[in-house]
Amino acid sequence: METDLYMKAIGIGMTVAVSCMILSRCGRDDQGSLVSLAGVVTLLLLLFGEIGSLFDALRDIFGI
């Protein structure tokens, strides 16, 4: 994986963490949960291409 992908994941994680803290201090825990769920979905979509290339490499290695 490239360092660019790491930086994107770190940026999304930090943004989600700060947003959840702000929302929980304002008493909006339900919206904080939705923000964290959206962050997880965003990271999964970001990593989806890398996971696909990992499975392709495993298929090539094992000849499946």
PDB file of N, CA and C in Angstrom:
ATOM      1  N   MET A   1       0.828  -1.190   0.000  1.00  0.00           N
ATOM      2  CA  MET A   1       0.000   0.000   0.000  1.00  0.00           C
ATOM      3  C   MET A   1       0.866   1.244   0.000  1.00  0.00           C
ATOM      4  N   GLU A   2       0.389   2.228  -0.637  1.00  0.00           N
ATOM      5  CA  GLU A   2       1.134   3.472  -0.730  1.00  0.00           C
ATOM      6  C   GLU A   2       0.917   4.309   0.526  1.00  0.00           C
ATOM      7  N   THR A   3       1.838   5.214   0.772  1.00  0.00           N
ATOM      8  CA  THR A   3       1.693   6.086   1.933  1.00  0.00           C
ATOM      9  C   THR A   3       0.538   7.062   1.746  1.00  0.00           C
ATOM     10  N   ASP A   4       0.178   7.344   0.497  1.00  0.00           N
ATOM     11  CA  ASP A   4      -0.955   8.227   0.228  1.00  0.00           C
ATOM     12  C   ASP A   4      -2.247   7.648   0.806  1.00  0.00           C
ATOM     13  N   LEU A   5      -2.407   6.346   0.661  1.00  0.00           N
ATOM     14  CA  LEU A   5      -3.600   5.688   1.191  1.00  0.00           C
ATOM     15  C   LEU A   5      -3.612   5.718   2.714  1.00  0.00           C
ATOM     16  N   TYR A   6      -2.433   5.543   3.325  1.00  0.00           N
ATOM     17  CA  TYR A   6      -2.340   5.640   4.776  1.00  0.00           C
ATOM     18  C   TYR A   6      -2.745   7.024   5.259  1.00  0.00           C
ATOM     19  N   MET A   7      -2.262   8.050   4.569  1.00  0.00           N
ATOM     20  CA  MET A   7      -2.569   9.423   4.967  1.00  0.00           C
ATOM     21  C   MET A   7      -4.053   9.733   4.829  1.00  0.00           C
ATOM     22  N   LYS A   8      -4.681   9.216   3.776  1.00  0.00           N
ATOM     23  CA  LYS A   8      -6.120   9.414   3.620  1.00  0.00           C
ATOM     24  C   LYS A   8      -6.887   8.752   4.761  1.00  0.00           C
ATOM     25  N   ALA A   9      -6.486   7.525   5.117  1.00  0.00           N
ATOM     26  CA  ALA A   9      -7.160   6.806   6.194  1.00  0.00           C
ATOM     27  C   ALA A   9      -6.972   7.522   7.531  1.00  0.00           C
ATOM     28  N   ILE A  10      -5.768   8.021   7.780  1.00  0.00           N
ATOM     29  CA  ILE A  10      -5.505   8.747   9.016  1.00  0.00           C
ATOM     30  C   ILE A  10      -6.322  10.034   9.066  1.00  0.00           C
ATOM     31  N   GLY A  11      -6.398  10.733   7.953  1.00  0.00           N
ATOM     32  CA  GLY A  11      -7.176  11.967   7.899  1.00  0.00           C
ATOM     33  C   GLY A  11      -8.649  11.742   8.146  1.00  0.00           C
ATOM     34  N   ILE A  12      -9.195  10.700   7.543  1.00  0.00           N
ATOM     35  CA  ILE A  12     -10.603  10.377   7.758  1.00  0.00           C
ATOM     36  C   ILE A  12     -10.836   9.984   9.213  1.00  0.00           C
ATOM     37  N   GLY A  13      -9.938   9.180   9.764  1.00  0.00           N
ATOM     38  CA  GLY A  13     -10.085   8.755  11.157  1.00  0.00           C
ATOM     39  C   GLY A  13     -10.032   9.915  12.134  1.00  0.00           C
ATOM     40  N   MET A  14      -9.108  10.839  11.914  1.00  0.00           N
ATOM     41  CA  MET A  14      -9.003  11.990  12.809  1.00  0.00           C
ATOM     42  C   MET A  14     -10.222  12.898  12.692  1.00  0.00           C
ATOM     43  N   THR A  15     -10.704  13.099  11.476  1.00  0.00           N
ATOM     44  CA  THR A  15     -11.893  13.925  11.272  1.00  0.00           C
ATOM     45  C   THR A  15     -13.118  13.317  11.945  1.00  0.00           C
ATOM     46  N   VAL A  16     -13.270  12.016  11.804  1.00  0.00           N
ATOM     47  CA  VAL A  16     -14.406  11.335  12.422  1.00  0.00           C
ATOM     48  C   VAL A  16     -14.297  11.388  13.946  1.00  0.00           C
ATOM     49  N   ALA A  17     -13.095  11.184  14.474  1.00  0.00           N
ATOM     50  CA  ALA A  17     -12.917  11.201  15.929  1.00  0.00           C
ATOM     51  C   ALA A  17     -13.240  12.569  16.515  1.00  0.00           C
ATOM     52  N   VAL A  18     -12.748  13.624  15.884  1.00  0.00           N
ATOM     53  CA  VAL A  18     -13.020  14.980  16.379  1.00  0.00           C
ATOM     54  C   VAL A  18     -14.507  15.300  16.265  1.00  0.00           C
ATOM     55  N   SER A  19     -15.116  14.909  15.153  1.00  0.00           N
ATOM     56  CA  SER A  19     -16.544  15.162  14.966  1.00  0.00           C
ATOM     57  C   SER A  19     -17.380  14.434  16.012  1.00  0.00           C
ATOM     58  N   CYS A  20     -17.015  13.201  16.307  1.00  0.00           N
ATOM     59  CA  CYS A  20     -17.754  12.436  17.322  1.00  0.00           C
ATOM     60  C   CYS A  20     -17.592  13.057  18.702  1.00  0.00           C
ATOM     61  N   MET A  21     -16.401  13.531  19.026  1.00  0.00           N
ATOM     62  CA  MET A  21     -16.190  14.177  20.332  1.00  0.00           C
ATOM     63  C   MET A  21     -17.017  15.452  20.452  1.00  0.00           C
ATOM     64  N   ILE A  22     -17.019  16.253  19.401  1.00  0.00           N
ATOM     65  CA  ILE A  22     -17.792  17.499  19.436  1.00  0.00           C
ATOM     66  C   ILE A  22     -19.282  17.199  19.566  1.00  0.00           C
ATOM     67  N   LEU A  23     -19.761  16.232  18.806  1.00  0.00           N
ATOM     68  CA  LEU A  23     -21.179  15.901  18.865  1.00  0.00           C
ATOM     69  C   LEU A  23     -21.577  15.304  20.209  1.00  0.00           C
ATOM     70  N   SER A  24     -20.707  14.517  20.813  1.00  0.00           N
ATOM     71  CA  SER A  24     -21.055  13.922  22.104  1.00  0.00           C
ATOM     72  C   SER A  24     -21.062  14.981  23.210  1.00  0.00           C
ATOM     73  N   ARG A  25     -20.183  15.963  23.123  1.00  0.00           N
ATOM     74  CA  ARG A  25     -20.186  17.050  24.118  1.00  0.00           C
ATOM     75  C   ARG A  25     -21.408  17.959  23.972  1.00  0.00           C
ATOM     76  N   CYS A  26     -21.961  18.013  22.775  1.00  0.00           N
ATOM     77  CA  CYS A  26     -23.169  18.810  22.550  1.00  0.00           C
ATOM     78  C   CYS A  26     -24.432  18.024  22.876  1.00  0.00           C
ATOM     79  N   GLY A  27     -24.258  16.763  23.276  1.00  0.00           N
ATOM     80  CA  GLY A  27     -25.411  15.938  23.635  1.00  0.00           C
ATOM     81  C   GLY A  27     -26.081  15.271  22.454  1.00  0.00           C
ATOM     82  N   ARG A  28     -25.394  15.166  21.350  1.00  0.00           N
ATOM     83  CA  ARG A  28     -25.965  14.542  20.153  1.00  0.00           C
ATOM     84  C   ARG A  28     -25.235  13.232  19.861  1.00  0.00           C
ATOM     85  N   ASP A  29     -25.378  12.297  20.775  1.00  0.00           N
ATOM     86  CA  ASP A  29     -24.677  11.015  20.651  1.00  0.00           C
ATOM     87  C   ASP A  29     -25.173  10.202  19.460  1.00  0.00           C
ATOM     88  N   ASP A  30     -26.461  10.321  19.139  1.00  0.00           N
ATOM     89  CA  ASP A  30     -26.995   9.563  18.013  1.00  0.00           C
ATOM     90  C   ASP A  30     -26.375  10.016  16.695  1.00  0.00           C
ATOM     91  N   GLN A  31     -26.174  11.321  16.548  1.00  0.00           N
ATOM     92  CA  GLN A  31     -25.530  11.808  15.332  1.00  0.00           C
ATOM     93  C   GLN A  31     -24.049  11.449  15.312  1.00  0.00           C
ATOM     94  N   GLY A  32     -23.424  11.377  16.491  1.00  0.00           N
ATOM     95  CA  GLY A  32     -22.036  10.932  16.569  1.00  0.00           C
ATOM     96  C   GLY A  32     -21.882   9.492  16.106  1.00  0.00           C
ATOM     97  N   SER A  33     -22.861   8.664  16.440  1.00  0.00           N
ATOM     98  CA  SER A  33     -22.836   7.271  15.985  1.00  0.00           C
ATOM     99  C   SER A  33     -22.958   7.192  14.466  1.00  0.00           C
ATOM    100  N   LEU A  34     -23.801   8.035  13.905  1.00  0.00           N
ATOM    101  CA  LEU A  34     -23.953   8.041  12.447  1.00  0.00           C
ATOM    102  C   LEU A  34     -22.681   8.529  11.758  1.00  0.00           C
ATOM    103  N   VAL A  35     -22.005   9.499  12.359  1.00  0.00           N
ATOM    104  CA  VAL A  35     -20.747   9.991  11.787  1.00  0.00           C
ATOM    105  C   VAL A  35     -19.691   8.896  11.818  1.00  0.00           C
ATOM    106  N   SER A  36     -19.615   8.159  12.924  1.00  0.00           N
ATOM    107  CA  SER A  36     -18.623   7.084  12.998  1.00  0.00           C
ATOM    108  C   SER A  36     -18.949   5.960  12.016  1.00  0.00           C
ATOM    109  N   LEU A  37     -20.212   5.659  11.836  1.00  0.00           N
ATOM    110  CA  LEU A  37     -20.613   4.653  10.859  1.00  0.00           C
ATOM    111  C   LEU A  37     -20.267   5.109   9.441  1.00  0.00           C
ATOM    112  N   ALA A  38     -20.509   6.376   9.150  1.00  0.00           N
ATOM    113  CA  ALA A  38     -20.158   6.911   7.830  1.00  0.00           C
ATOM    114  C   ALA A  38     -18.650   6.868   7.612  1.00  0.00           C
ATOM    115  N   GLY A  39     -17.862   7.103   8.670  1.00  0.00           N
ATOM    116  CA  GLY A  39     -16.407   7.015   8.555  1.00  0.00           C
ATOM    117  C   GLY A  39     -15.940   5.607   8.240  1.00  0.00           C
ATOM    118  N   VAL A  40     -16.548   4.628   8.888  1.00  0.00           N
ATOM    119  CA  VAL A  40     -16.186   3.230   8.631  1.00  0.00           C
ATOM    120  C   VAL A  40     -16.526   2.843   7.190  1.00  0.00           C
ATOM    121  N   VAL A  41     -17.707   3.242   6.739  1.00  0.00           N
ATOM    122  CA  VAL A  41     -18.115   2.928   5.366  1.00  0.00           C
ATOM    123  C   VAL A  41     -17.185   3.604   4.362  1.00  0.00           C
ATOM    124  N   THR A  42     -16.803   4.853   4.630  1.00  0.00           N
ATOM    125  CA  THR A  42     -15.897   5.571   3.741  1.00  0.00           C
ATOM    126  C   THR A  42     -14.539   4.878   3.665  1.00  0.00           C
ATOM    127  N   LEU A  43     -14.023   4.435   4.812  1.00  0.00           N
ATOM    128  CA  LEU A  43     -12.738   3.730   4.800  1.00  0.00           C
ATOM    129  C   LEU A  43     -12.827   2.398   4.070  1.00  0.00           C
ATOM    130  N   LEU A  44     -13.931   1.687   4.236  1.00  0.00           N
ATOM    131  CA  LEU A  44     -14.091   0.426   3.516  1.00  0.00           C
ATOM    132  C   LEU A  44     -14.141   0.656   2.009  1.00  0.00           C
ATOM    133  N   LEU A  45     -14.832   1.703   1.584  1.00  0.00           N
ATOM    134  CA  LEU A  45     -14.868   2.014   0.153  1.00  0.00           C
ATOM    135  C   LEU A  45     -13.499   2.424  -0.356  1.00  0.00           C
ATOM    136  N   LEU A  46     -12.742   3.120   0.485  1.00  0.00           N
ATOM    137  CA  LEU A  46     -11.394   3.534   0.108  1.00  0.00           C
ATOM    138  C   LEU A  46     -10.468   2.325  -0.041  1.00  0.00           C
ATOM    139  N   LEU A  47     -10.620   1.360   0.828  1.00  0.00           N
ATOM    140  CA  LEU A  47      -9.750   0.187   0.818  1.00  0.00           C
ATOM    141  C   LEU A  47     -10.258  -0.940  -0.079  1.00  0.00           C
ATOM    142  N   PHE A  48     -11.443  -0.799  -0.632  1.00  0.00           N
ATOM    143  CA  PHE A  48     -12.045  -1.870  -1.421  1.00  0.00           C
ATOM    144  C   PHE A  48     -11.180  -2.257  -2.618  1.00  0.00           C
ATOM    145  N   GLY A  49     -10.608  -1.284  -3.300  1.00  0.00           N
ATOM    146  CA  GLY A  49      -9.737  -1.578  -4.446  1.00  0.00           C
ATOM    147  C   GLY A  49      -8.485  -2.318  -4.034  1.00  0.00           C
ATOM    148  N   GLU A  50      -7.913  -1.953  -2.897  1.00  0.00           N
ATOM    149  CA  GLU A  50      -6.706  -2.636  -2.413  1.00  0.00           C
ATOM    150  C   GLU A  50      -7.011  -4.069  -2.003  1.00  0.00           C
ATOM    151  N   ILE A  51      -8.165  -4.293  -1.417  1.00  0.00           N
ATOM    152  CA  ILE A  51      -8.550  -5.653  -1.028  1.00  0.00           C
ATOM    153  C   ILE A  51      -8.741  -6.513  -2.274  1.00  0.00           C
ATOM    154  N   GLY A  52      -9.322  -5.933  -3.326  1.00  0.00           N
ATOM    155  CA  GLY A  52      -9.494  -6.656  -4.590  1.00  0.00           C
ATOM    156  C   GLY A  52      -8.170  -7.046  -5.212  1.00  0.00           C
ATOM    157  N   SER A  53      -7.199  -6.138  -5.178  1.00  0.00           N
ATOM    158  CA  SER A  53      -5.889  -6.468  -5.749  1.00  0.00           C
ATOM    159  C   SER A  53      -5.165  -7.511  -4.897  1.00  0.00           C
ATOM    160  N   LEU A  54      -5.420  -7.516  -3.593  1.00  0.00           N
ATOM    161  CA  LEU A  54      -4.845  -8.551  -2.731  1.00  0.00           C
ATOM    162  C   LEU A  54      -5.380  -9.924  -3.108  1.00  0.00           C
ATOM    163  N   PHE A  55      -6.697 -10.032  -3.332  1.00  0.00           N
ATOM    164  CA  PHE A  55      -7.271 -11.316  -3.728  1.00  0.00           C
ATOM    165  C   PHE A  55      -6.777 -11.746  -5.103  1.00  0.00           C
ATOM    166  N   ASP A  56      -6.591 -10.798  -6.019  1.00  0.00           N
ATOM    167  CA  ASP A  56      -6.043 -11.135  -7.334  1.00  0.00           C
ATOM    168  C   ASP A  56      -4.627 -11.681  -7.213  1.00  0.00           C
ATOM    169  N   ALA A  57      -3.831 -11.078  -6.354  1.00  0.00           N
ATOM    170  CA  ALA A  57      -2.462 -11.556  -6.155  1.00  0.00           C
ATOM    171  C   ALA A  57      -2.464 -12.957  -5.539  1.00  0.00           C
ATOM    172  N   LEU A  58      -3.364 -13.199  -4.594  1.00  0.00           N
ATOM    173  CA  LEU A  58      -3.446 -14.537  -3.997  1.00  0.00           C
ATOM    174  C   LEU A  58      -3.887 -15.569  -5.019  1.00  0.00           C
ATOM    175  N   ARG A  59      -4.816 -15.215  -5.906  1.00  0.00           N
ATOM    176  CA  ARG A  59      -5.230 -16.143  -6.949  1.00  0.00           C
ATOM    177  C   ARG A  59      -4.075 -16.471  -7.883  1.00  0.00           C
ATOM    178  N   ASP A  60      -3.279 -15.464  -8.210  1.00  0.00           N
ATOM    179  CA  ASP A  60      -2.126 -15.695  -9.091  1.00  0.00           C
ATOM    180  C   ASP A  60      -1.079 -16.573  -8.407  1.00  0.00           C
ATOM    181  N   ILE A  61      -0.873 -16.368  -7.119  1.00  0.00           N
ATOM    182  CA  ILE A  61       0.128 -17.150  -6.399  1.00  0.00           C
ATOM    183  C   ILE A  61      -0.277 -18.613  -6.315  1.00  0.00           C
ATOM    184  N   PHE A  62      -1.525 -18.871  -5.976  1.00  0.00           N
ATOM    185  CA  PHE A  62      -1.980 -20.236  -5.784  1.00  0.00           C
ATOM    186  C   PHE A  62      -2.577 -20.854  -7.044  1.00  0.00           C
ATOM    187  N   GLY A  63      -2.674 -20.101  -8.133  1.00  0.00           N
ATOM    188  CA  GLY A  63      -3.143 -20.638  -9.386  1.00  0.00           C
ATOM    189  C   GLY A  63      -4.598 -21.020  -9.386  1.00  0.00           C
ATOM    190  N   ILE A  64      -5.407 -20.272  -8.719  1.00  0.00           N
ATOM    191  CA  ILE A  64      -6.845 -20.576  -8.637  1.00  0.00           C
ATOM    192  C   ILE A  64      -7.562 -19.924  -9.798  1.00  0.00           C
TER     193      ILE A  64
END
